[in-house]
Amino acid sequence: TPRPKLVPTVSEHGGPLAWARYSQIRFGNAQFPFVVALSATVYAIDVFGTTTWLYNRPISYPPTLALAGRDRSGSQFLVRTNTQLVTVDLNGTIKPLYSSFIGQQPLMEGFIATDGSAYVEERATNNNGSTTGMLWYVKDGTKTQLFPANWVDSTTPSAFAVPTIDYSGAWIIVRGGGKPTVLYRHAGGQLETMFEEMTGPAAAAVTTA
């Protein structure tokens, strides 16, 4: 049965995969090519089509689980539950990252860096229908705010991050609001300005090479 909501149509901001933001199907590794979140369970699918569940929660509505990213090797994945963000590996090992969200059931997209830290964009819809967001850096149990991610419309955040080619850190674009568009590089907990354009062009994506 087709599951169209596994790959939602949203904005595209570059990174290693096209149109992958908020997708509930993620690439794994050679042994388990795909990892899928369906309602209350995260599954790994091996090369023979056999499924193995990695993480399970009681069924509820809205669904309590959502895939939010992966590491470079496709062996660890970001999973948002209804109360926390965790990493889950292909052995089913679970590691909590943080448990305070900016809103209920926020959309999340991010990735796990090579040193085990994580970059996470959190996007929440408020009671009045407006959307707010934040770009976080999470390391050793500490969540650090990098930039607010305000949404001009459903596809245009004021800040977004994609992994560097080796997943050692992140490239970050900050734009909009009548301010210059700035490209940053973040690695090892340090933020470095790489480029600034005073005219404020609407940089839509970053693709590493």
C-alpha atoms as a PDB file:
ATOM      1  CA  THR A   1       0.000   0.000   0.000  1.00  0.00           C
ATOM      2  CA  PRO A   2       1.490   3.390  -0.940  1.00  0.00           C
ATOM      3  CA  ARG A   3       2.408   5.646   1.979  1.00  0.00           C
ATOM      4  CA  PRO A   4       2.609   9.156   0.444  1.00  0.00           C
ATOM      5  CA  LYS A   5       3.065  10.916   3.780  1.00  0.00           C
ATOM      6  CA  LEU A   6       6.366   9.121   4.343  1.00  0.00           C
ATOM      7  CA  VAL A   7       7.978  11.656   1.998  1.00  0.00           C
ATOM      8  CA  PRO A   8       6.234  15.011   2.545  1.00  0.00           C
ATOM      9  CA  THR A   9       6.554  17.803   0.011  1.00  0.00           C
ATOM     10  CA  VAL A  10       8.418  20.620   1.758  1.00  0.00           C
ATOM     11  CA  SER A  11      11.221  23.048   1.072  1.00  0.00           C
ATOM     12  CA  GLU A  12      14.566  21.912  -0.339  1.00  0.00           C
ATOM     13  CA  HIS A  13      17.746  23.328   1.176  1.00  0.00           C
ATOM     14  CA  GLY A  14      20.471  21.094  -0.215  1.00  0.00           C
ATOM     15  CA  GLY A  15      22.614  18.701   1.800  1.00  0.00           C
ATOM     16  CA  PRO A  16      23.506  15.134   0.810  1.00  0.00           C
ATOM     17  CA  LEU A  17      19.968  14.204  -0.353  1.00  0.00           C
ATOM     18  CA  ALA A  18      17.404  16.124  -2.374  1.00  0.00           C
ATOM     19  CA  TRP A  19      13.880  16.682  -1.043  1.00  0.00           C
ATOM     20  CA  ALA A  20      14.558  14.595   2.065  1.00  0.00           C
ATOM     21  CA  ARG A  21      13.507  17.006   4.814  1.00  0.00           C
ATOM     22  CA  TYR A  22      11.000  15.447   7.251  1.00  0.00           C
ATOM     23  CA  SER A  23      10.979  12.198   5.277  1.00  0.00           C
ATOM     24  CA  GLN A  24       9.972   9.103   7.233  1.00  0.00           C
ATOM     25  CA  ILE A  25      12.140   6.914   4.986  1.00  0.00           C
ATOM     26  CA  ARG A  26      15.897   7.294   5.512  1.00  0.00           C
ATOM     27  CA  PHE A  27      18.821   5.568   3.839  1.00  0.00           C
ATOM     28  CA  GLY A  28      20.723   3.142   6.061  1.00  0.00           C
ATOM     29  CA  ASN A  29      23.812   1.095   5.203  1.00  0.00           C
ATOM     30  CA  ALA A  30      24.689  -1.874   2.981  1.00  0.00           C
ATOM     31  CA  GLN A  31      23.068  -4.425   5.313  1.00  0.00           C
ATOM     32  CA  PHE A  32      19.972  -2.348   6.114  1.00  0.00           C
ATOM     33  CA  PRO A  33      19.379  -0.019   3.154  1.00  0.00           C
ATOM     34  CA  PHE A  34      16.279   1.643   4.606  1.00  0.00           C
ATOM     35  CA  VAL A  35      14.946   2.790   7.947  1.00  0.00           C
ATOM     36  CA  VAL A  36      11.252   3.700   8.166  1.00  0.00           C
ATOM     37  CA  ALA A  37       9.035   5.248  10.846  1.00  0.00           C
ATOM     38  CA  LEU A  38       5.365   4.227  10.804  1.00  0.00           C
ATOM     39  CA  SER A  39       3.143   5.653  13.533  1.00  0.00           C
ATOM     40  CA  ALA A  40       4.644   4.188  16.718  1.00  0.00           C
ATOM     41  CA  THR A  41       7.506   2.045  15.406  1.00  0.00           C
ATOM     42  CA  VAL A  42      10.861   2.566  13.700  1.00  0.00           C
ATOM     43  CA  TYR A  43      11.863  -0.330  11.428  1.00  0.00           C
ATOM     44  CA  ALA A  44      15.069  -1.309   9.636  1.00  0.00           C
ATOM     45  CA  ILE A  45      14.617  -3.064   6.283  1.00  0.00           C
ATOM     46  CA  ASP A  46      17.411  -5.391   5.177  1.00  0.00           C
ATOM     47  CA  VAL A  47      18.523  -6.283   1.629  1.00  0.00           C
ATOM     48  CA  PHE A  48      16.047  -9.196   1.531  1.00  0.00           C
ATOM     49  CA  GLY A  49      13.097  -7.025   2.530  1.00  0.00           C
ATOM     50  CA  THR A  50      12.926  -8.349   6.080  1.00  0.00           C
ATOM     51  CA  THR A  51      11.899  -5.783   8.694  1.00  0.00           C
ATOM     52  CA  THR A  52      13.355  -5.467  12.176  1.00  0.00           C
ATOM     53  CA  TRP A  53      11.913  -3.022  14.655  1.00  0.00           C
ATOM     54  CA  LEU A  54      14.425  -0.719  16.283  1.00  0.00           C
ATOM     55  CA  TYR A  55      12.180   1.379  18.490  1.00  0.00           C
ATOM     56  CA  ASN A  56       8.558   1.073  19.555  1.00  0.00           C
ATOM     57  CA  ARG A  57       6.155   3.276  21.483  1.00  0.00           C
ATOM     58  CA  PRO A  58       2.459   2.903  22.410  1.00  0.00           C
ATOM     59  CA  ILE A  59       0.182   3.853  19.526  1.00  0.00           C
ATOM     60  CA  SER A  60      -1.356   7.308  19.846  1.00  0.00           C
ATOM     61  CA  TYR A  61      -2.603  10.179  17.701  1.00  0.00           C
ATOM     62  CA  PRO A  62      -0.812  12.247  16.570  1.00  0.00           C
ATOM     63  CA  PRO A  63       1.869   9.600  15.947  1.00  0.00           C
ATOM     64  CA  THR A  64       4.516   9.704  18.648  1.00  0.00           C
ATOM     65  CA  LEU A  65       7.546   8.911  16.482  1.00  0.00           C
ATOM     66  CA  ALA A  66       9.195  10.746  13.601  1.00  0.00           C
ATOM     67  CA  LEU A  67      12.551  10.228  11.916  1.00  0.00           C
ATOM     68  CA  ALA A  68      14.539  13.454  11.901  1.00  0.00           C
ATOM     69  CA  GLY A  69      17.960  12.629  10.398  1.00  0.00           C
ATOM     70  CA  ARG A  70      20.926  10.248  10.381  1.00  0.00           C
ATOM     71  CA  ASP A  71      24.695  10.069  10.581  1.00  0.00           C
ATOM     72  CA  ARG A  72      27.102   9.783   7.668  1.00  0.00           C
ATOM     73  CA  SER A  73      27.308   5.975   7.800  1.00  0.00           C
ATOM     74  CA  GLY A  74      23.555   5.389   7.956  1.00  0.00           C
ATOM     75  CA  SER A  75      23.873   3.459  11.209  1.00  0.00           C
ATOM     76  CA  GLN A  76      22.441   6.000  13.684  1.00  0.00           C
ATOM     77  CA  PHE A  77      19.217   7.970  13.360  1.00  0.00           C
ATOM     78  CA  LEU A  78      17.511  10.906  15.021  1.00  0.00           C
ATOM     79  CA  VAL A  79      14.028  10.034  16.284  1.00  0.00           C
ATOM     80  CA  ARG A  80      11.554  12.464  17.812  1.00  0.00           C
ATOM     81  CA  THR A  81       9.115  10.966  20.300  1.00  0.00           C
ATOM     82  CA  ASN A  82       6.266  12.867  21.924  1.00  0.00           C
ATOM     83  CA  THR A  83       8.542  13.817  24.841  1.00  0.00           C
ATOM     84  CA  GLN A  84      12.169  13.761  23.677  1.00  0.00           C
ATOM     85  CA  LEU A  85      14.681  13.577  20.843  1.00  0.00           C
ATOM     86  CA  VAL A  86      16.796  10.413  20.832  1.00  0.00           C
ATOM     87  CA  THR A  87      19.302   8.605  18.652  1.00  0.00           C
ATOM     88  CA  VAL A  88      18.612   5.000  17.647  1.00  0.00           C
ATOM     89  CA  ASP A  89      21.198   2.748  16.011  1.00  0.00           C
ATOM     90  CA  LEU A  90      20.697  -0.380  13.897  1.00  0.00           C
ATOM     91  CA  ASN A  91      21.071  -2.564  16.997  1.00  0.00           C
ATOM     92  CA  GLY A  92      18.160  -0.776  18.640  1.00  0.00           C
ATOM     93  CA  THR A  93      20.364   1.085  21.122  1.00  0.00           C
ATOM     94  CA  ILE A  94      18.662   4.282  22.270  1.00  0.00           C
ATOM     95  CA  LYS A  95      20.405   7.409  23.547  1.00  0.00           C
ATOM     96  CA  PRO A  96      18.412  10.465  24.749  1.00  0.00           C
ATOM     97  CA  LEU A  97      19.559  13.849  23.404  1.00  0.00           C
ATOM     98  CA  TYR A  98      17.109  16.321  24.932  1.00  0.00           C
ATOM     99  CA  SER A  99      13.570  16.481  26.266  1.00  0.00           C
ATOM    100  CA  SER A 100      12.383  20.111  26.118  1.00  0.00           C
ATOM    101  CA  PHE A 101      10.648  21.174  22.891  1.00  0.00           C
ATOM    102  CA  ILE A 102       9.614  24.679  21.802  1.00  0.00           C
ATOM    103  CA  GLY A 103       6.123  23.372  20.990  1.00  0.00           C
ATOM    104  CA  GLN A 104       3.999  20.234  20.963  1.00  0.00           C
ATOM    105  CA  GLN A 105       4.935  17.575  18.385  1.00  0.00           C
ATOM    106  CA  PRO A 106       7.370  19.855  16.499  1.00  0.00           C
ATOM    107  CA  LEU A 107       8.722  19.018  13.079  1.00  0.00           C
ATOM    108  CA  MET A 108      12.423  18.226  13.295  1.00  0.00           C
ATOM    109  CA  GLU A 109      15.221  17.824  10.766  1.00  0.00           C
ATOM    110  CA  GLY A 110      18.921  17.396  11.433  1.00  0.00           C
ATOM    111  CA  PHE A 111      21.915  15.114  11.370  1.00  0.00           C
ATOM    112  CA  ILE A 112      24.455  13.425  13.631  1.00  0.00           C
ATOM    113  CA  ALA A 113      28.058  14.601  13.268  1.00  0.00           C
ATOM    114  CA  THR A 114      31.095  12.309  13.377  1.00  0.00           C
ATOM    115  CA  ASP A 115      31.877  13.228  16.994  1.00  0.00           C
ATOM    116  CA  GLY A 116      28.370  12.225  18.140  1.00  0.00           C
ATOM    117  CA  SER A 117      27.014  15.761  18.370  1.00  0.00           C
ATOM    118  CA  ALA A 118      23.807  16.659  16.557  1.00  0.00           C
ATOM    119  CA  TYR A 119      22.460  19.628  14.629  1.00  0.00           C
ATOM    120  CA  VAL A 120      18.693  19.915  14.890  1.00  0.00           C
ATOM    121  CA  GLU A 121      16.184  22.299  13.363  1.00  0.00           C
ATOM    122  CA  GLU A 122      13.005  22.382  15.431  1.00  0.00           C
ATOM    123  CA  ARG A 123       9.827  23.823  13.931  1.00  0.00           C
ATOM    124  CA  ALA A 124       6.629  24.303  15.949  1.00  0.00           C
ATOM    125  CA  THR A 125       3.170  25.635  15.095  1.00  0.00           C
ATOM    126  CA  ASN A 126       1.683  27.944  17.713  1.00  0.00           C
ATOM    127  CA  ASN A 127      -1.959  28.106  18.811  1.00  0.00           C
ATOM    128  CA  ASN A 128      -2.548  31.139  16.583  1.00  0.00           C
ATOM    129  CA  GLY A 129      -1.241  29.277  13.540  1.00  0.00           C
ATOM    130  CA  SER A 130       2.099  31.067  13.370  1.00  0.00           C
ATOM    131  CA  THR A 131       5.306  29.069  13.073  1.00  0.00           C
ATOM    132  CA  THR A 132       8.465  29.439  15.141  1.00  0.00           C
ATOM    133  CA  GLY A 133      11.697  27.516  15.043  1.00  0.00           C
ATOM    134  CA  MET A 134      15.181  27.123  16.401  1.00  0.00           C
ATOM    135  CA  LEU A 135      18.455  25.682  15.179  1.00  0.00           C
ATOM    136  CA  TRP A 136      20.187  23.726  17.957  1.00  0.00           C
ATOM    137  CA  TYR A 137      23.620  22.205  18.504  1.00  0.00           C
ATOM    138  CA  VAL A 138      23.511  19.257  20.909  1.00  0.00           C
ATOM    139  CA  LYS A 139      26.685  17.856  22.451  1.00  0.00           C
ATOM    140  CA  ASP A 140      27.177  15.654  25.538  1.00  0.00           C
ATOM    141  CA  GLY A 141      23.684  16.336  26.836  1.00  0.00           C
ATOM    142  CA  THR A 142      23.906  20.117  26.382  1.00  0.00           C
ATOM    143  CA  LYS A 143      21.610  21.896  23.926  1.00  0.00           C
ATOM    144  CA  THR A 144      22.994  25.176  22.557  1.00  0.00           C
ATOM    145  CA  GLN A 145      20.983  27.662  20.516  1.00  0.00           C
ATOM    146  CA  LEU A 146      22.687  28.564  17.249  1.00  0.00           C
ATOM    147  CA  PHE A 147      20.052  30.693  15.499  1.00  0.00           C
ATOM    148  CA  PRO A 148      16.295  31.275  15.564  1.00  0.00           C
ATOM    149  CA  ALA A 149      14.622  29.792  12.492  1.00  0.00           C
ATOM    150  CA  ASN A 150      11.633  31.987  11.736  1.00  0.00           C
ATOM    151  CA  TRP A 151       9.381  30.802   8.928  1.00  0.00           C
ATOM    152  CA  VAL A 152       8.260  33.439   6.434  1.00  0.00           C
ATOM    153  CA  ASP A 153       6.009  30.812   4.827  1.00  0.00           C
ATOM    154  CA  SER A 154       5.780  27.006   4.825  1.00  0.00           C
ATOM    155  CA  THR A 155       8.986  26.607   2.803  1.00  0.00           C
ATOM    156  CA  THR A 156      11.209  29.533   3.826  1.00  0.00           C
ATOM    157  CA  PRO A 157      13.119  29.424   7.123  1.00  0.00           C
ATOM    158  CA  SER A 158      15.431  32.253   8.160  1.00  0.00           C
ATOM    159  CA  ALA A 159      18.143  29.732   9.094  1.00  0.00           C
ATOM    160  CA  PHE A 160      19.001  26.178   8.068  1.00  0.00           C
ATOM    161  CA  ALA A 161      21.960  23.806   8.329  1.00  0.00           C
ATOM    162  CA  VAL A 162      23.390  21.014   6.189  1.00  0.00           C
ATOM    163  CA  PRO A 163      26.309  18.711   7.044  1.00  0.00           C
ATOM    164  CA  THR A 164      29.824  19.361   5.825  1.00  0.00           C
ATOM    165  CA  ILE A 165      31.050  16.774   3.318  1.00  0.00           C
ATOM    166  CA  ASP A 166      32.658  14.679   6.071  1.00  0.00           C
ATOM    167  CA  TYR A 167      29.916  15.297   8.667  1.00  0.00           C
ATOM    168  CA  SER A 168      32.446  16.906  11.025  1.00  0.00           C
ATOM    169  CA  GLY A 169      30.240  19.981  11.354  1.00  0.00           C
ATOM    170  CA  ALA A 170      27.637  22.098   9.585  1.00  0.00           C
ATOM    171  CA  TRP A 171      27.242  24.760   6.942  1.00  0.00           C
ATOM    172  CA  ILE A 172      24.601  27.228   8.097  1.00  0.00           C
ATOM    173  CA  ILE A 173      22.717  29.851   6.096  1.00  0.00           C
ATOM    174  CA  VAL A 174      21.069  32.774   7.920  1.00  0.00           C
ATOM    175  CA  ARG A 175      18.928  35.066   5.769  1.00  0.00           C
ATOM    176  CA  GLY A 176      15.897  37.346   5.524  1.00  0.00           C
ATOM    177  CA  GLY A 177      14.446  40.080   7.664  1.00  0.00           C
ATOM    178  CA  GLY A 178      16.178  42.807   5.678  1.00  0.00           C
ATOM    179  CA  LYS A 179      19.566  41.677   6.990  1.00  0.00           C
ATOM    180  CA  PRO A 180      22.627  40.387   5.103  1.00  0.00           C
ATOM    181  CA  THR A 181      22.663  36.736   4.041  1.00  0.00           C
ATOM    182  CA  VAL A 182      25.471  34.987   5.911  1.00  0.00           C
ATOM    183  CA  LEU A 183      27.133  31.605   5.417  1.00  0.00           C
ATOM    184  CA  TYR A 184      28.635  30.120   8.581  1.00  0.00           C
ATOM    185  CA  ARG A 185      30.671  27.011   9.267  1.00  0.00           C
ATOM    186  CA  HIS A 186      30.205  25.344  12.652  1.00  0.00           C
ATOM    187  CA  ALA A 187      32.575  22.615  13.853  1.00  0.00           C
ATOM    188  CA  GLY A 188      33.958  21.534  17.211  1.00  0.00           C
ATOM    189  CA  GLY A 189      31.565  23.873  18.967  1.00  0.00           C
ATOM    190  CA  GLN A 190      32.949  26.938  17.143  1.00  0.00           C
ATOM    191  CA  LEU A 191      31.056  29.189  14.733  1.00  0.00           C
ATOM    192  CA  GLU A 192      32.967  30.887  11.903  1.00  0.00           C
ATOM    193  CA  THR A 193      31.635  33.414   9.392  1.00  0.00           C
ATOM    194  CA  MET A 194      32.632  32.333   5.887  1.00  0.00           C
ATOM    195  CA  PHE A 195      30.709  34.704   3.624  1.00  0.00           C
ATOM    196  CA  GLU A 196      28.398  37.697   3.998  1.00  0.00           C
ATOM    197  CA  GLU A 197      26.360  39.368   1.272  1.00  0.00           C
ATOM    198  CA  MET A 198      25.001  42.751   2.302  1.00  0.00           C
ATOM    199  CA  THR A 199      22.228  42.794  -0.331  1.00  0.00           C
ATOM    200  CA  GLY A 200      20.563  39.843   1.435  1.00  0.00           C
ATOM    201  CA  PRO A 201      19.949  37.407  -1.443  1.00  0.00           C
ATOM    202  CA  ALA A 202      17.508  34.594  -0.699  1.00  0.00           C
ATOM    203  CA  ALA A 203      20.051  31.752  -0.644  1.00  0.00           C
ATOM    204  CA  ALA A 204      17.830  28.690  -0.939  1.00  0.00           C
ATOM    205  CA  ALA A 205      20.224  25.724  -0.574  1.00  0.00           C
ATOM    206  CA  VAL A 206      23.753  24.596   0.196  1.00  0.00           C
ATOM    207  CA  THR A 207      25.222  21.550  -1.529  1.00  0.00           C
ATOM    208  CA  THR A 208      28.641  20.362  -0.353  1.00  0.00           C
ATOM    209  CA  ALA A 209      31.291  18.816  -2.565  1.00  0.00           C
END
